Amino acid sequence: MVPVRRQGLAGGGDVVADSGVAMAGARAPAADGPPPELVFHRVLHPLQMLRELWARRELVTVLTERDLRARYKQTKVGFAWALLTPFLLMVVFTVFFKRVADVRTGSVPYPLFSYVGLLAWTFFSGALSKGAVSITQNLTLLNKVYCPREVFPLASVSTAAVDSSIAVSILGVLFVIYRFPPAATSVWVPVLMLVQLAFTLGVTLLLAALVVYFRDIRQVLPMILQFGLFATPVGYGLEEMPRKWWGVYSALNPLVPVIDGYRRTVLLGEPPKIDLLVIGATSSVILLVVGYTVFKRLEAGFADVA
């Protein structure tokens, strides 16, 4: 250190100070950005998130009821619209796929065959189309009331579930018309529904978060759903696809083993293809975890960006 000599205040002598001490009071150059201790790091606690979400479960019910009332209010047929969409698609598929493409259904009447696939698809597409924009369409409520933001896409999924439950009544009518009762292997249906629900929730949560930051997704989504209707074996069977791609396709689109499983268990009296179902279930769980994690990571900026 280089000693620094300065005059004492009383003039009686010099005061020797180390240069390091002399410079200690000088302001250090400012670093780029805030100090590390002031930077906010979001830490996710899965159990705490689930407890908070469970505590707000009544809010999901209220939002679901609100969405249903807003959708069917002042309409002539009301909740019958939930029946018309899959029913009209079944009619179109019956004319096109059965008469033109000659889809193989075995001993199952084609309207039953296609309607089972349409029930699964309309639930997925309905939940995704509404859930993807659920955050941007609830900005007023989002900025005024504190709640876990995932309640909005979850309410959209619940609304789609109510519509699908209503549409199941048409399936019962078709069973009576064609005298084709459901098979005893329908006990597999709850397992298939869990896989379908996990996949739907994962995609909905992921897109609900991304749409806030990338609004172009909202414009592209209807086209993706239209393409997905024909890319998924809804109007045709899994056997119409190359067998070597079944595993890959089940991983990319878990609705493939789910819809095929519904047909096998409910209509054909067979168990689902376990290998494909395991692949689809694994992919669905991974997507659910990733989608929920991304949603919670991006949640803090929803109010600012949206």
Protein backbone atom coordinates (compact mmCIF):
# COMPACT_ATOMS: atom_id res chain seq x y z
CA MET A 1 0.00 0.00 0.00
CA VAL A 2 1.19 3.56 -0.69
CA PRO A 3 0.96 5.85 2.36
CA VAL A 4 -1.01 9.05 1.85
CA ARG A 5 0.18 12.11 3.82
CA ARG A 6 -2.35 14.83 4.65
CA GLN A 7 -2.43 17.83 6.93
CA GLY A 8 -3.99 17.41 10.32
CA LEU A 9 -7.04 19.49 11.14
CA ALA A 10 -5.24 21.40 13.92
CA GLY A 11 -2.11 21.99 11.86
CA GLY A 12 -0.04 20.15 14.43
CA GLY A 13 1.20 17.36 12.22
CA ASP A 14 0.63 14.99 9.35
CA VAL A 15 -1.76 12.06 9.47
CA VAL A 16 -0.60 8.96 7.65
CA ALA A 17 -3.34 6.71 6.27
CA ASP A 18 -3.24 3.67 4.13
CA SER A 19 -4.44 4.30 0.56
CA GLY A 20 -6.81 1.32 0.81
CA VAL A 21 -8.48 2.95 3.81
CA ALA A 22 -8.54 6.31 2.04
CA MET A 23 -10.39 4.81 -0.92
CA ALA A 24 -12.79 2.77 1.22
CA GLY A 25 -15.35 5.57 1.31
CA ALA A 26 -15.24 6.09 -2.45
CA ARG A 27 -18.29 4.82 -4.41
CA ALA A 28 -17.60 1.62 -6.32
CA PRO A 29 -18.66 1.52 -9.93
CA ALA A 30 -22.27 0.29 -10.29
CA ALA A 31 -22.65 -3.21 -11.65
CA ASP A 32 -25.11 -4.04 -14.39
CA GLY A 33 -28.49 -5.02 -12.94
CA PRO A 34 -29.62 -5.29 -9.31
CA PRO A 35 -27.60 -7.06 -6.63
CA PRO A 36 -28.07 -10.85 -6.61
CA GLU A 37 -29.81 -10.75 -3.22
CA LEU A 38 -32.53 -8.50 -4.67
CA VAL A 39 -33.27 -10.67 -7.69
CA PHE A 40 -36.59 -12.54 -7.35
CA HIS A 41 -36.28 -16.27 -7.87
CA ARG A 42 -39.60 -18.11 -8.13
CA VAL A 43 -39.49 -21.39 -6.27
CA LEU A 44 -42.25 -23.89 -6.96
CA HIS A 45 -43.51 -26.08 -4.13
CA PRO A 46 -45.77 -28.75 -5.67
CA LEU A 47 -47.63 -29.67 -2.48
CA GLN A 48 -48.24 -26.04 -1.59
CA MET A 49 -49.54 -25.33 -5.11
CA LEU A 50 -51.92 -28.27 -4.96
CA ARG A 51 -53.18 -27.30 -1.49
CA GLU A 52 -53.85 -23.76 -2.65
CA LEU A 53 -55.64 -25.03 -5.75
CA TRP A 54 -57.75 -27.42 -3.69
CA ALA A 55 -58.71 -24.56 -1.37
CA ARG A 56 -60.05 -22.66 -4.42
CA ARG A 57 -61.96 -25.61 -5.88
CA GLU A 58 -65.28 -23.83 -5.36
CA LEU A 59 -64.03 -21.01 -7.58
CA VAL A 60 -63.56 -23.51 -10.42
CA THR A 61 -67.19 -24.56 -9.97
CA VAL A 62 -68.38 -20.95 -10.03
CA LEU A 63 -66.37 -20.15 -13.15
CA THR A 64 -67.65 -23.30 -14.87
CA GLU A 65 -71.25 -22.35 -14.10
CA ARG A 66 -70.59 -18.82 -15.37
CA ASP A 67 -69.15 -20.10 -18.64
CA LEU A 68 -72.07 -22.47 -19.19
CA ARG A 69 -74.63 -19.74 -18.53
CA ALA A 70 -72.84 -17.30 -20.84
CA ARG A 71 -72.59 -19.87 -23.64
CA TYR A 72 -76.20 -21.02 -23.67
CA LYS A 73 -77.97 -17.89 -22.46
CA GLN A 74 -80.65 -16.60 -24.85
CA THR A 75 -80.21 -19.54 -27.24
CA LYS A 76 -83.25 -21.36 -28.59
CA VAL A 77 -82.13 -24.90 -27.84
CA GLY A 78 -79.86 -24.21 -24.86
CA PHE A 79 -77.81 -27.21 -23.73
CA ALA A 80 -78.89 -29.14 -26.82
CA TRP A 81 -75.98 -27.47 -28.61
CA ALA A 82 -73.73 -29.85 -26.69
CA LEU A 83 -75.51 -32.68 -28.51
CA LEU A 84 -75.60 -31.14 -31.97
CA THR A 85 -71.87 -30.73 -32.55
CA PRO A 86 -70.81 -34.40 -32.16
CA PHE A 87 -74.09 -35.62 -33.71
CA LEU A 88 -73.67 -33.57 -36.90
CA LEU A 89 -70.02 -34.61 -37.17
CA MET A 90 -71.12 -38.23 -36.85
CA VAL A 91 -73.54 -37.74 -39.75
CA VAL A 92 -70.81 -36.17 -41.90
CA PHE A 93 -68.34 -38.94 -41.04
CA THR A 94 -70.93 -41.60 -41.78
CA VAL A 95 -71.48 -40.17 -45.27
CA PHE A 96 -67.82 -39.51 -46.04
CA PHE A 97 -65.73 -42.18 -44.34
CA LYS A 98 -68.15 -45.11 -44.46
CA ARG A 99 -69.58 -44.58 -47.93
CA VAL A 100 -66.58 -43.01 -49.67
CA ALA A 101 -63.52 -44.30 -47.80
CA ASP A 102 -65.12 -47.59 -46.71
CA VAL A 103 -63.62 -47.63 -43.22
CA ARG A 104 -63.36 -51.05 -41.60
CA THR A 105 -65.30 -51.27 -38.32
CA GLY A 106 -65.79 -55.01 -37.98
CA SER A 107 -69.25 -55.84 -36.67
CA VAL A 108 -69.76 -52.39 -35.13
CA PRO A 109 -72.23 -50.02 -36.85
CA TYR A 110 -70.27 -47.07 -38.15
CA PRO A 111 -72.34 -44.36 -36.38
CA LEU A 112 -71.48 -46.00 -33.04
CA PHE A 113 -67.86 -46.46 -34.10
CA SER A 114 -67.41 -42.81 -35.06
CA TYR A 115 -69.46 -41.32 -32.22
CA VAL A 116 -67.30 -42.97 -29.57
CA GLY A 117 -64.25 -41.31 -31.13
CA LEU A 118 -66.06 -37.99 -31.49
CA LEU A 119 -66.95 -37.90 -27.80
CA ALA A 120 -63.27 -38.04 -26.87
CA TRP A 121 -62.26 -35.53 -29.53
CA THR A 122 -64.97 -32.93 -28.80
CA PHE A 123 -64.00 -32.94 -25.13
CA PHE A 124 -60.35 -32.36 -25.99
CA SER A 125 -60.98 -29.71 -28.67
CA GLY A 126 -63.61 -27.91 -26.58
CA ALA A 127 -61.34 -27.74 -23.54
CA LEU A 128 -58.36 -26.60 -25.60
CA SER A 129 -60.13 -23.96 -27.67
CA LYS A 130 -61.61 -22.29 -24.57
CA GLY A 131 -58.81 -23.01 -22.13
CA ALA A 132 -56.05 -21.62 -24.34
CA VAL A 133 -57.59 -18.11 -24.21
CA SER A 134 -58.94 -18.37 -20.66
CA ILE A 135 -56.27 -16.11 -19.17
CA THR A 136 -56.53 -13.35 -21.77
CA GLN A 137 -60.33 -13.38 -21.58
CA ASN A 138 -60.40 -13.01 -17.79
CA LEU A 139 -57.99 -10.10 -17.35
CA THR A 140 -60.46 -7.98 -15.39
CA LEU A 141 -61.04 -10.69 -12.83
CA LEU A 142 -57.39 -11.71 -12.87
CA ASN A 143 -56.22 -8.19 -11.94
CA LYS A 144 -58.79 -7.68 -9.18
CA VAL A 145 -58.98 -11.01 -7.36
CA TYR A 146 -56.11 -13.10 -6.10
CA CYS A 147 -56.42 -16.77 -6.90
CA PRO A 148 -54.31 -19.48 -8.49
CA ARG A 149 -54.35 -18.54 -12.15
CA GLU A 150 -54.82 -22.14 -13.22
CA VAL A 151 -58.45 -22.01 -12.07
CA PHE A 152 -59.35 -20.34 -15.38
CA PRO A 153 -58.10 -23.09 -17.74
CA LEU A 154 -59.38 -25.70 -15.29
CA ALA A 155 -62.84 -24.14 -15.50
CA SER A 156 -62.67 -24.41 -19.30
CA VAL A 157 -61.82 -28.10 -19.01
CA SER A 158 -64.72 -28.57 -16.57
CA THR A 159 -67.09 -26.84 -19.00
CA ALA A 160 -66.01 -29.18 -21.78
CA ALA A 161 -66.54 -32.13 -19.43
CA VAL A 162 -70.13 -31.03 -18.77
CA ASP A 163 -70.79 -30.75 -22.51
CA SER A 164 -69.35 -34.21 -23.09
CA SER A 165 -71.45 -35.66 -20.28
CA ILE A 166 -74.56 -34.31 -21.99
CA ALA A 167 -73.44 -35.67 -25.37
CA VAL A 168 -73.10 -39.18 -23.92
CA SER A 169 -76.91 -39.40 -23.99
CA ILE A 170 -76.76 -39.70 -27.81
CA LEU A 171 -74.50 -42.73 -27.37
CA GLY A 172 -77.18 -44.36 -25.24
CA VAL A 173 -79.76 -43.71 -27.96
CA LEU A 174 -77.48 -45.28 -30.58
CA PHE A 175 -77.06 -48.37 -28.43
CA VAL A 176 -80.83 -48.76 -28.36
CA ILE A 177 -81.36 -48.05 -32.06
CA TYR A 178 -78.73 -50.53 -33.24
CA ARG A 179 -79.40 -53.03 -30.43
CA PHE A 180 -75.72 -53.04 -29.68
CA PRO A 181 -75.18 -52.92 -25.88
CA PRO A 182 -71.85 -51.88 -24.37
CA ALA A 183 -69.51 -54.74 -23.51
CA ALA A 184 -68.52 -55.82 -20.01
CA THR A 185 -64.96 -54.64 -20.66
CA SER A 186 -66.27 -51.07 -20.34
CA VAL A 187 -64.82 -51.20 -16.83
CA TRP A 188 -61.62 -49.96 -18.51
CA VAL A 189 -63.30 -46.62 -19.33
CA PRO A 190 -62.28 -44.80 -16.09
CA VAL A 191 -58.62 -45.65 -16.75
CA LEU A 192 -58.87 -44.34 -20.30
CA MET A 193 -60.60 -41.20 -19.04
CA LEU A 194 -57.75 -40.49 -16.62
CA VAL A 195 -55.21 -40.67 -19.44
CA GLN A 196 -57.35 -38.43 -21.60
CA LEU A 197 -57.84 -35.94 -18.77
CA ALA A 198 -54.11 -35.77 -18.00
CA PHE A 199 -53.29 -35.13 -21.65
CA THR A 200 -56.02 -32.48 -22.01
CA LEU A 201 -55.00 -30.65 -18.84
CA GLY A 202 -51.33 -30.65 -19.79
CA VAL A 203 -51.92 -29.20 -23.27
CA THR A 204 -54.49 -26.68 -22.00
CA LEU A 205 -52.27 -25.35 -19.20
CA LEU A 206 -49.29 -25.08 -21.51
CA LEU A 207 -51.15 -23.20 -24.23
CA ALA A 208 -53.00 -20.98 -21.75
CA ALA A 209 -49.64 -19.68 -20.52
CA LEU A 210 -48.04 -19.37 -23.96
CA VAL A 211 -50.97 -17.52 -25.52
CA VAL A 212 -50.45 -14.66 -23.05
CA TYR A 213 -46.96 -14.07 -24.46
CA PHE A 214 -47.48 -15.24 -28.04
CA ARG A 215 -50.89 -14.09 -29.30
CA ASP A 216 -50.34 -15.67 -32.73
CA ILE A 217 -51.05 -19.07 -31.18
CA ARG A 218 -54.65 -18.00 -30.72
CA GLN A 219 -55.00 -17.49 -34.47
CA VAL A 220 -53.28 -20.74 -35.41
CA LEU A 221 -55.08 -22.95 -32.88
CA PRO A 222 -58.35 -23.44 -34.85
CA MET A 223 -56.38 -24.66 -37.87
CA ILE A 224 -54.37 -27.05 -35.68
CA LEU A 225 -57.57 -28.49 -34.21
CA GLN A 226 -59.09 -28.96 -37.66
CA PHE A 227 -55.97 -30.78 -38.80
CA GLY A 228 -55.90 -32.82 -35.60
CA LEU A 229 -59.46 -34.04 -36.17
CA PHE A 230 -58.33 -35.87 -39.31
CA ALA A 231 -54.84 -36.74 -38.06
CA THR A 232 -56.35 -38.52 -35.05
CA PRO A 233 -58.24 -41.80 -35.69
CA VAL A 234 -61.65 -40.31 -34.93
CA GLY A 235 -63.49 -41.14 -38.16
CA TYR A 236 -61.37 -44.21 -38.86
CA GLY A 237 -59.70 -46.95 -36.86
CA LEU A 238 -56.15 -47.44 -35.69
CA GLU A 239 -55.79 -50.32 -38.13
CA GLU A 240 -55.92 -47.87 -41.03
CA MET A 241 -52.51 -46.54 -39.93
CA PRO A 242 -49.13 -48.28 -40.47
CA ARG A 243 -48.53 -50.60 -37.55
CA LYS A 244 -44.86 -49.66 -37.23
CA TRP A 245 -45.83 -46.08 -36.31
CA TRP A 246 -48.38 -46.97 -33.62
CA GLY A 247 -45.95 -46.52 -30.73
CA VAL A 248 -44.52 -43.22 -31.93
CA TYR A 249 -47.95 -41.85 -32.72
CA SER A 250 -49.27 -42.89 -29.30
CA ALA A 251 -46.43 -40.98 -27.63
CA LEU A 252 -46.99 -37.84 -29.71
CA ASN A 253 -50.79 -38.00 -29.52
CA PRO A 254 -52.09 -39.96 -26.50
CA LEU A 255 -55.63 -39.61 -27.84
CA VAL A 256 -54.72 -42.39 -30.29
CA PRO A 257 -54.56 -45.22 -27.70
CA VAL A 258 -57.39 -43.61 -25.71
CA ILE A 259 -59.88 -43.55 -28.60
CA ASP A 260 -58.80 -46.99 -29.76
CA GLY A 261 -59.20 -48.19 -26.16
CA TYR A 262 -62.73 -46.80 -25.91
CA ARG A 263 -63.74 -48.68 -29.05
CA ARG A 264 -62.15 -51.93 -27.99
CA THR A 265 -63.54 -51.92 -24.45
CA VAL A 266 -67.01 -50.47 -25.05
CA LEU A 267 -67.85 -51.84 -28.51
CA LEU A 268 -65.67 -54.88 -29.22
CA GLY A 269 -65.48 -56.44 -25.76
CA GLU A 270 -61.67 -56.46 -25.80
CA PRO A 271 -59.12 -54.95 -23.40
CA PRO A 272 -57.18 -51.93 -24.65
CA LYS A 273 -53.75 -52.37 -26.19
CA ILE A 274 -51.76 -52.19 -22.97
CA ASP A 275 -48.43 -51.33 -24.60
CA LEU A 276 -49.89 -48.36 -26.46
CA LEU A 277 -51.89 -47.25 -23.43
CA VAL A 278 -48.76 -47.27 -21.23
CA ILE A 279 -46.93 -45.16 -23.82
CA GLY A 280 -49.82 -42.72 -24.05
CA ALA A 281 -50.23 -42.54 -20.26
CA THR A 282 -46.53 -41.87 -19.73
CA SER A 283 -46.54 -39.14 -22.36
CA SER A 284 -49.68 -37.60 -20.83
CA VAL A 285 -48.24 -37.47 -17.32
CA ILE A 286 -44.99 -35.94 -18.55
CA LEU A 287 -46.91 -33.34 -20.54
CA LEU A 288 -49.10 -32.54 -17.52
CA VAL A 289 -46.07 -31.98 -15.28
CA VAL A 290 -44.29 -29.88 -17.92
CA GLY A 291 -47.42 -27.89 -18.77
CA TYR A 292 -48.21 -27.11 -15.13
CA THR A 293 -44.60 -26.18 -14.38
CA VAL A 294 -44.39 -23.82 -17.36
CA PHE A 295 -47.73 -22.29 -16.39
CA LYS A 296 -46.58 -21.55 -12.83
CA ARG A 297 -43.22 -20.23 -14.02
CA LEU A 298 -44.89 -17.75 -16.39
CA GLU A 299 -47.77 -16.94 -14.06
CA ALA A 300 -46.05 -14.01 -12.37
CA GLY A 301 -45.99 -11.98 -15.59
CA PHE A 302 -49.57 -12.58 -16.74
CA ALA A 303 -50.96 -9.31 -15.42
CA ASP A 304 -48.10 -7.24 -16.87
CA VAL A 305 -47.99 -8.82 -20.31
CA ALA A 306 -51.69 -9.46 -20.85
